[in-house]
Amino acid sequence: ERARTLPVRLVRWGLAIVIGLILLPYLL
């Protein structure tokens, strides 16, 4: 089960990082 959920969590973390990078200039 951990093996199945790992890709999903990686995708979520990747999306969170991308969104954070996009929003950072607006905050700065």
PDB file of all heavy atoms in Angstrom:
ATOM      1  N   GLU A   1       0.831  -1.207   0.000  1.00  0.00           N
ATOM      2  CA  GLU A   1       0.000   0.000   0.000  1.00  0.00           C
ATOM      3  C   GLU A   1       0.864   1.255   0.000  1.00  0.00           C
ATOM      4  O   GLU A   1       0.542   2.248  -0.659  1.00  0.00           O
ATOM      5  CB  GLU A   1      -0.919  -0.011   1.220  1.00  0.00           C
ATOM      6  CG  GLU A   1      -1.934   1.128   1.214  1.00  0.00           C
ATOM      7  CD  GLU A   1      -2.902   1.016   2.375  1.00  0.00           C
ATOM      8  OE1 GLU A   1      -2.910  -0.048   3.045  1.00  0.00           O
ATOM      9  OE2 GLU A   1      -3.628   1.989   2.614  1.00  0.00           O
ATOM     10  N   ARG A   2       1.974   1.217   0.778  1.00  0.00           N
ATOM     11  CA  ARG A   2       2.888   2.365   0.768  1.00  0.00           C
ATOM     12  C   ARG A   2       3.453   2.596  -0.632  1.00  0.00           C
ATOM     13  O   ARG A   2       3.629   3.730  -1.071  1.00  0.00           O
ATOM     14  CB  ARG A   2       4.026   2.135   1.772  1.00  0.00           C
ATOM     15  CG  ARG A   2       3.611   2.295   3.222  1.00  0.00           C
ATOM     16  CD  ARG A   2       4.845   2.527   4.097  1.00  0.00           C
ATOM     17  NE  ARG A   2       5.767   1.399   4.014  1.00  0.00           N
ATOM     18  CZ  ARG A   2       5.738   0.366   4.830  1.00  0.00           C
ATOM     19  NH1 ARG A   2       4.808   0.304   5.801  1.00  0.00           N
ATOM     20  NH2 ARG A   2       6.610  -0.621   4.719  1.00  0.00           N
ATOM     21  N   ALA A   3       3.757   1.518  -1.324  1.00  0.00           N
ATOM     22  CA  ALA A   3       4.304   1.632  -2.677  1.00  0.00           C
ATOM     23  C   ALA A   3       3.294   2.274  -3.621  1.00  0.00           C
ATOM     24  O   ALA A   3       3.666   3.028  -4.523  1.00  0.00           O
ATOM     25  CB  ALA A   3       4.714   0.261  -3.198  1.00  0.00           C
ATOM     26  N   ARG A   4       1.990   1.982  -3.406  1.00  0.00           N
ATOM     27  CA  ARG A   4       0.969   2.567  -4.278  1.00  0.00           C
ATOM     28  C   ARG A   4       0.748   4.042  -3.976  1.00  0.00           C
ATOM     29  O   ARG A   4       0.473   4.832  -4.865  1.00  0.00           O
ATOM     30  CB  ARG A   4      -0.350   1.798  -4.117  1.00  0.00           C
ATOM     31  CG  ARG A   4      -0.359   0.417  -4.770  1.00  0.00           C
ATOM     32  CD  ARG A   4      -1.769  -0.117  -4.882  1.00  0.00           C
ATOM     33  NE  ARG A   4      -2.401  -0.256  -3.573  1.00  0.00           N
ATOM     34  CZ  ARG A   4      -2.347  -1.346  -2.817  1.00  0.00           C
ATOM     35  NH1 ARG A   4      -1.676  -2.412  -3.263  1.00  0.00           N
ATOM     36  NH2 ARG A   4      -2.950  -1.395  -1.647  1.00  0.00           N
ATOM     37  N   THR A   5       0.843   4.407  -2.697  1.00  0.00           N
ATOM     38  CA  THR A   5       0.567   5.802  -2.334  1.00  0.00           C
ATOM     39  C   THR A   5       1.764   6.723  -2.525  1.00  0.00           C
ATOM     40  O   THR A   5       1.602   7.939  -2.585  1.00  0.00           O
ATOM     41  CB  THR A   5       0.112   5.885  -0.870  1.00  0.00           C
ATOM     42  OG1 THR A   5       1.146   5.354  -0.025  1.00  0.00           O
ATOM     43  CG2 THR A   5      -1.180   5.099  -0.673  1.00  0.00           C
ATOM     44  N   LEU A   6       2.967   6.157  -2.618  1.00  0.00           N
ATOM     45  CA  LEU A   6       4.162   7.000  -2.758  1.00  0.00           C
ATOM     46  C   LEU A   6       4.125   7.884  -3.996  1.00  0.00           C
ATOM     47  O   LEU A   6       4.391   9.094  -3.891  1.00  0.00           O
ATOM     48  CB  LEU A   6       5.416   6.114  -2.766  1.00  0.00           C
ATOM     49  CG  LEU A   6       6.748   6.863  -2.885  1.00  0.00           C
ATOM     50  CD1 LEU A   6       6.913   7.846  -1.728  1.00  0.00           C
ATOM     51  CD2 LEU A   6       7.910   5.875  -2.940  1.00  0.00           C
ATOM     52  N   PRO A   7       3.788   7.364  -5.189  1.00  0.00           N
ATOM     53  CA  PRO A   7       3.738   8.259  -6.359  1.00  0.00           C
ATOM     54  C   PRO A   7       2.728   9.382  -6.202  1.00  0.00           C
ATOM     55  O   PRO A   7       2.967  10.511  -6.640  1.00  0.00           O
ATOM     56  CB  PRO A   7       3.345   7.303  -7.497  1.00  0.00           C
ATOM     57  CG  PRO A   7       3.777   5.960  -7.035  1.00  0.00           C
ATOM     58  CD  PRO A   7       3.563   5.970  -5.554  1.00  0.00           C
ATOM     59  N   VAL A   8       1.593   9.078  -5.554  1.00  0.00           N
ATOM     60  CA  VAL A   8       0.575  10.112  -5.349  1.00  0.00           C
ATOM     61  C   VAL A   8       1.114  11.216  -4.452  1.00  0.00           C
ATOM     62  O   VAL A   8       0.928  12.409  -4.712  1.00  0.00           O
ATOM     63  CB  VAL A   8      -0.696   9.485  -4.732  1.00  0.00           C
ATOM     64  CG1 VAL A   8      -1.723  10.573  -4.407  1.00  0.00           C
ATOM     65  CG2 VAL A   8      -1.289   8.458  -5.691  1.00  0.00           C
ATOM     66  N   ARG A   9       1.788  10.820  -3.387  1.00  0.00           N
ATOM     67  CA  ARG A   9       2.354  11.825  -2.482  1.00  0.00           C
ATOM     68  C   ARG A   9       3.440  12.640  -3.155  1.00  0.00           C
ATOM     69  O   ARG A   9       3.549  13.850  -2.934  1.00  0.00           O
ATOM     70  CB  ARG A   9       2.908  11.140  -1.229  1.00  0.00           C
ATOM     71  CG  ARG A   9       1.821  10.721  -0.244  1.00  0.00           C
ATOM     72  CD  ARG A   9       2.406  10.167   1.026  1.00  0.00           C
ATOM     73  NE  ARG A   9       3.014   8.852   0.814  1.00  0.00           N
ATOM     74  CZ  ARG A   9       3.670   8.185   1.740  1.00  0.00           C
ATOM     75  NH1 ARG A   9       3.855   8.721   2.943  1.00  0.00           N
ATOM     76  NH2 ARG A   9       4.172   6.992   1.492  1.00  0.00           N
ATOM     77  N   LEU A  10       4.242  11.999  -3.993  1.00  0.00           N
ATOM     78  CA  LEU A  10       5.283  12.735  -4.718  1.00  0.00           C
ATOM     79  C   LEU A  10       4.671  13.752  -5.664  1.00  0.00           C
ATOM     80  O   LEU A  10       5.163  14.885  -5.784  1.00  0.00           O
ATOM     81  CB  LEU A  10       6.165  11.749  -5.487  1.00  0.00           C
ATOM     82  CG  LEU A  10       7.080  10.859  -4.642  1.00  0.00           C
ATOM     83  CD1 LEU A  10       7.820   9.868  -5.533  1.00  0.00           C
ATOM     84  CD2 LEU A  10       8.079  11.699  -3.853  1.00  0.00           C
ATOM     85  N   VAL A  11       3.594  13.355  -6.345  1.00  0.00           N
ATOM     86  CA  VAL A  11       2.916  14.288  -7.246  1.00  0.00           C
ATOM     87  C   VAL A  11       2.357  15.463  -6.466  1.00  0.00           C
ATOM     88  O   VAL A  11       2.463  16.622  -6.880  1.00  0.00           O
ATOM     89  CB  VAL A  11       1.802  13.570  -8.033  1.00  0.00           C
ATOM     90  CG1 VAL A  11       0.922  14.580  -8.767  1.00  0.00           C
ATOM     91  CG2 VAL A  11       2.398  12.581  -9.017  1.00  0.00           C
ATOM     92  N   ARG A  12       1.761  15.180  -5.313  1.00  0.00           N
ATOM     93  CA  ARG A  12       1.202  16.254  -4.494  1.00  0.00           C
ATOM     94  C   ARG A  12       2.290  17.210  -4.013  1.00  0.00           C
ATOM     95  O   ARG A  12       2.114  18.432  -4.035  1.00  0.00           O
ATOM     96  CB  ARG A  12       0.457  15.664  -3.301  1.00  0.00           C
ATOM     97  CG  ARG A  12      -0.864  14.985  -3.661  1.00  0.00           C
ATOM     98  CD  ARG A  12      -1.489  14.331  -2.449  1.00  0.00           C
ATOM     99  NE  ARG A  12      -2.778  13.724  -2.779  1.00  0.00           N
ATOM    100  CZ  ARG A  12      -3.477  12.961  -1.939  1.00  0.00           C
ATOM    101  NH1 ARG A  12      -2.994  12.702  -0.714  1.00  0.00           N
ATOM    102  NH2 ARG A  12      -4.633  12.451  -2.296  1.00  0.00           N
ATOM    103  N   TRP A  13       3.400  16.633  -3.554  1.00  0.00           N
ATOM    104  CA  TRP A  13       4.510  17.485  -3.120  1.00  0.00           C
ATOM    105  C   TRP A  13       5.054  18.305  -4.287  1.00  0.00           C
ATOM    106  O   TRP A  13       5.377  19.490  -4.132  1.00  0.00           O
ATOM    107  CB  TRP A  13       5.621  16.637  -2.513  1.00  0.00           C
ATOM    108  CG  TRP A  13       5.412  16.331  -1.069  1.00  0.00           C
ATOM    109  CD1 TRP A  13       5.052  15.133  -0.521  1.00  0.00           C
ATOM    110  CD2 TRP A  13       5.527  17.240   0.016  1.00  0.00           C
ATOM    111  NE1 TRP A  13       4.932  15.236   0.846  1.00  0.00           N
ATOM    112  CE2 TRP A  13       5.228  16.524   1.211  1.00  0.00           C
ATOM    113  CE3 TRP A  13       5.844  18.588   0.118  1.00  0.00           C
ATOM    114  CZ2 TRP A  13       5.246  17.111   2.467  1.00  0.00           C
ATOM    115  CZ3 TRP A  13       5.869  19.176   1.381  1.00  0.00           C
ATOM    116  CH2 TRP A  13       5.569  18.450   2.528  1.00  0.00           C
ATOM    117  N   GLY A  14       5.152  17.685  -5.452  1.00  0.00           N
ATOM    118  CA  GLY A  14       5.630  18.410  -6.632  1.00  0.00           C
ATOM    119  C   GLY A  14       4.720  19.555  -6.993  1.00  0.00           C
ATOM    120  O   GLY A  14       5.185  20.664  -7.289  1.00  0.00           O
ATOM    121  N   LEU A  15       3.397  19.303  -6.967  1.00  0.00           N
ATOM    122  CA  LEU A  15       2.434  20.368  -7.273  1.00  0.00           C
ATOM    123  C   LEU A  15       2.518  21.484  -6.235  1.00  0.00           C
ATOM    124  O   LEU A  15       2.431  22.667  -6.582  1.00  0.00           O
ATOM    125  CB  LEU A  15       1.017  19.794  -7.314  1.00  0.00           C
ATOM    126  CG  LEU A  15       0.671  18.933  -8.532  1.00  0.00           C
ATOM    127  CD1 LEU A  15      -0.719  18.319  -8.375  1.00  0.00           C
ATOM    128  CD2 LEU A  15       0.749  19.748  -9.815  1.00  0.00           C
ATOM    129  N   ALA A  16       2.674  21.110  -4.982  1.00  0.00           N
ATOM    130  CA  ALA A  16       2.775  22.130  -3.927  1.00  0.00           C
ATOM    131  C   ALA A  16       4.004  23.004  -4.133  1.00  0.00           C
ATOM    132  O   ALA A  16       3.949  24.231  -3.949  1.00  0.00           O
ATOM    133  CB  ALA A  16       2.822  21.452  -2.561  1.00  0.00           C
ATOM    134  N   ILE A  17       5.120  22.403  -4.516  1.00  0.00           N
ATOM    135  CA  ILE A  17       6.345  23.169  -4.756  1.00  0.00           C
ATOM    136  C   ILE A  17       6.164  24.108  -5.942  1.00  0.00           C
ATOM    137  O   ILE A  17       6.539  25.288  -5.889  1.00  0.00           O
ATOM    138  CB  ILE A  17       7.531  22.212  -4.986  1.00  0.00           C
ATOM    139  CG1 ILE A  17       7.871  21.475  -3.690  1.00  0.00           C
ATOM    140  CG2 ILE A  17       8.752  22.983  -5.493  1.00  0.00           C
ATOM    141  CD1 ILE A  17       8.892  20.366  -3.857  1.00  0.00           C
ATOM    142  N   VAL A  18       5.565  23.600  -7.032  1.00  0.00           N
ATOM    143  CA  VAL A  18       5.349  24.430  -8.220  1.00  0.00           C
ATOM    144  C   VAL A  18       4.440  25.605  -7.893  1.00  0.00           C
ATOM    145  O   VAL A  18       4.717  26.755  -8.264  1.00  0.00           O
ATOM    146  CB  VAL A  18       4.762  23.584  -9.364  1.00  0.00           C
ATOM    147  CG1 VAL A  18       4.302  24.477 -10.511  1.00  0.00           C
ATOM    148  CG2 VAL A  18       5.794  22.575  -9.865  1.00  0.00           C
ATOM    149  N   ILE A  19       3.340  25.326  -7.195  1.00  0.00           N
ATOM    150  CA  ILE A  19       2.412  26.400  -6.829  1.00  0.00           C
ATOM    151  C   ILE A  19       3.100  27.421  -5.926  1.00  0.00           C
ATOM    152  O   ILE A  19       2.916  28.633  -6.064  1.00  0.00           O
ATOM    153  CB  ILE A  19       1.164  25.807  -6.147  1.00  0.00           C
ATOM    154  CG1 ILE A  19       0.350  24.993  -7.160  1.00  0.00           C
ATOM    155  CG2 ILE A  19       0.294  26.915  -5.548  1.00  0.00           C
ATOM    156  CD1 ILE A  19      -0.785  24.212  -6.543  1.00  0.00           C
ATOM    157  N   GLY A  20       3.913  26.921  -4.998  1.00  0.00           N
ATOM    158  CA  GLY A  20       4.642  27.836  -4.114  1.00  0.00           C
ATOM    159  C   GLY A  20       5.592  28.739  -4.880  1.00  0.00           C
ATOM    160  O   GLY A  20       5.678  29.938  -4.596  1.00  0.00           O
ATOM    161  N   LEU A  21       6.291  28.178  -5.861  1.00  0.00           N
ATOM    162  CA  LEU A  21       7.214  28.978  -6.661  1.00  0.00           C
ATOM    163  C   LEU A  21       6.469  30.013  -7.490  1.00  0.00           C
ATOM    164  O   LEU A  21       6.956  31.129  -7.700  1.00  0.00           O
ATOM    165  CB  LEU A  21       8.040  28.062  -7.562  1.00  0.00           C
ATOM    166  CG  LEU A  21       9.069  27.177  -6.855  1.00  0.00           C
ATOM    167  CD1 LEU A  21       9.728  26.232  -7.848  1.00  0.00           C
ATOM    168  CD2 LEU A  21      10.128  28.020  -6.157  1.00  0.00           C
ATOM    169  N   ILE A  22       5.284  29.649  -7.983  1.00  0.00           N
ATOM    170  CA  ILE A  22       4.492  30.586  -8.774  1.00  0.00           C
ATOM    171  C   ILE A  22       3.974  31.722  -7.905  1.00  0.00           C
ATOM    172  O   ILE A  22       3.955  32.887  -8.317  1.00  0.00           O
ATOM    173  CB  ILE A  22       3.318  29.853  -9.470  1.00  0.00           C
ATOM    174  CG1 ILE A  22       3.857  28.914 -10.554  1.00  0.00           C
ATOM    175  CG2 ILE A  22       2.334  30.856 -10.088  1.00  0.00           C
ATOM    176  CD1 ILE A  22       2.800  28.042 -11.187  1.00  0.00           C
ATOM    177  N   LEU A  23       3.578  31.404  -6.682  1.00  0.00           N
ATOM    178  CA  LEU A  23       3.007  32.417  -5.791  1.00  0.00           C
ATOM    179  C   LEU A  23       4.064  33.289  -5.121  1.00  0.00           C
ATOM    180  O   LEU A  23       3.768  34.410  -4.712  1.00  0.00           O
ATOM    181  CB  LEU A  23       2.153  31.747  -4.711  1.00  0.00           C
ATOM    182  CG  LEU A  23       0.870  31.068  -5.191  1.00  0.00           C
ATOM    183  CD1 LEU A  23       0.158  30.422  -4.015  1.00  0.00           C
ATOM    184  CD2 LEU A  23      -0.043  32.065  -5.889  1.00  0.00           C
ATOM    185  N   LEU A  24       5.292  32.795  -5.014  1.00  0.00           N
ATOM    186  CA  LEU A  24       6.335  33.523  -4.299  1.00  0.00           C
ATOM    187  C   LEU A  24       6.534  34.950  -4.809  1.00  0.00           C
ATOM    188  O   LEU A  24       6.619  35.885  -3.991  1.00  0.00           O
ATOM    189  CB  LEU A  24       7.653  32.745  -4.363  1.00  0.00           C
ATOM    190  CG  LEU A  24       8.824  33.344  -3.599  1.00  0.00           C
ATOM    191  CD1 LEU A  24       8.492  33.455  -2.108  1.00  0.00           C
ATOM    192  CD2 LEU A  24      10.085  32.508  -3.803  1.00  0.00           C
ATOM    193  N   PRO A  25       6.624  35.193  -6.140  1.00  0.00           N
ATOM    194  CA  PRO A  25       6.792  36.580  -6.592  1.00  0.00           C
ATOM    195  C   PRO A  25       5.652  37.504  -6.152  1.00  0.00           C
ATOM    196  O   PRO A  25       5.881  38.687  -5.864  1.00  0.00           O
ATOM    197  CB  PRO A  25       6.827  36.448  -8.120  1.00  0.00           C
ATOM    198  CG  PRO A  25       7.290  35.056  -8.357  1.00  0.00           C
ATOM    199  CD  PRO A  25       6.694  34.250  -7.257  1.00  0.00           C
ATOM    200  N   TYR A  26       4.443  36.977  -6.087  1.00  0.00           N
ATOM    201  CA  TYR A  26       3.305  37.794  -5.663  1.00  0.00           C
ATOM    202  C   TYR A  26       3.430  38.177  -4.189  1.00  0.00           C
ATOM    203  O   TYR A  26       2.999  39.257  -3.778  1.00  0.00           O
ATOM    204  CB  TYR A  26       2.005  37.031  -5.908  1.00  0.00           C
ATOM    205  CG  TYR A  26       1.710  36.819  -7.375  1.00  0.00           C
ATOM    206  CD1 TYR A  26       2.233  35.725  -8.053  1.00  0.00           C
ATOM    207  CD2 TYR A  26       0.925  37.725  -8.085  1.00  0.00           C
ATOM    208  CE1 TYR A  26       1.978  35.529  -9.411  1.00  0.00           C
ATOM    209  CE2 TYR A  26       0.670  37.542  -9.436  1.00  0.00           C
ATOM    210  CZ  TYR A  26       1.201  36.448 -10.093  1.00  0.00           C
ATOM    211  OH  TYR A  26       0.969  36.270 -11.429  1.00  0.00           O
ATOM    212  N   LEU A  27       4.014  37.297  -3.403  1.00  0.00           N
ATOM    213  CA  LEU A  27       4.227  37.595  -1.988  1.00  0.00           C
ATOM    214  C   LEU A  27       5.391  38.551  -1.779  1.00  0.00           C
ATOM    215  O   LEU A  27       5.383  39.373  -0.854  1.00  0.00           O
ATOM    216  CB  LEU A  27       4.477  36.291  -1.212  1.00  0.00           C
ATOM    217  CG  LEU A  27       3.349  35.256  -1.257  1.00  0.00           C
ATOM    218  CD1 LEU A  27       3.777  33.975  -0.549  1.00  0.00           C
ATOM    219  CD2 LEU A  27       2.078  35.810  -0.636  1.00  0.00           C
ATOM    220  N   LEU A  28       6.403  38.452  -2.655  1.00  0.00           N
ATOM    221  CA  LEU A  28       7.587  39.302  -2.508  1.00  0.00           C
ATOM    222  C   LEU A  28       7.354  40.723  -3.019  1.00  0.00           C
ATOM    223  O   LEU A  28       7.984  41.658  -2.530  1.00  0.00           O
ATOM    224  CB  LEU A  28       8.760  38.684  -3.267  1.00  0.00           C
ATOM    225  CG  LEU A  28       9.371  37.410  -2.694  1.00  0.00           C
ATOM    226  CD1 LEU A  28      10.451  36.877  -3.622  1.00  0.00           C
ATOM    227  CD2 LEU A  28       9.950  37.663  -1.305  1.00  0.00           C
TER     228      LEU A  28
END
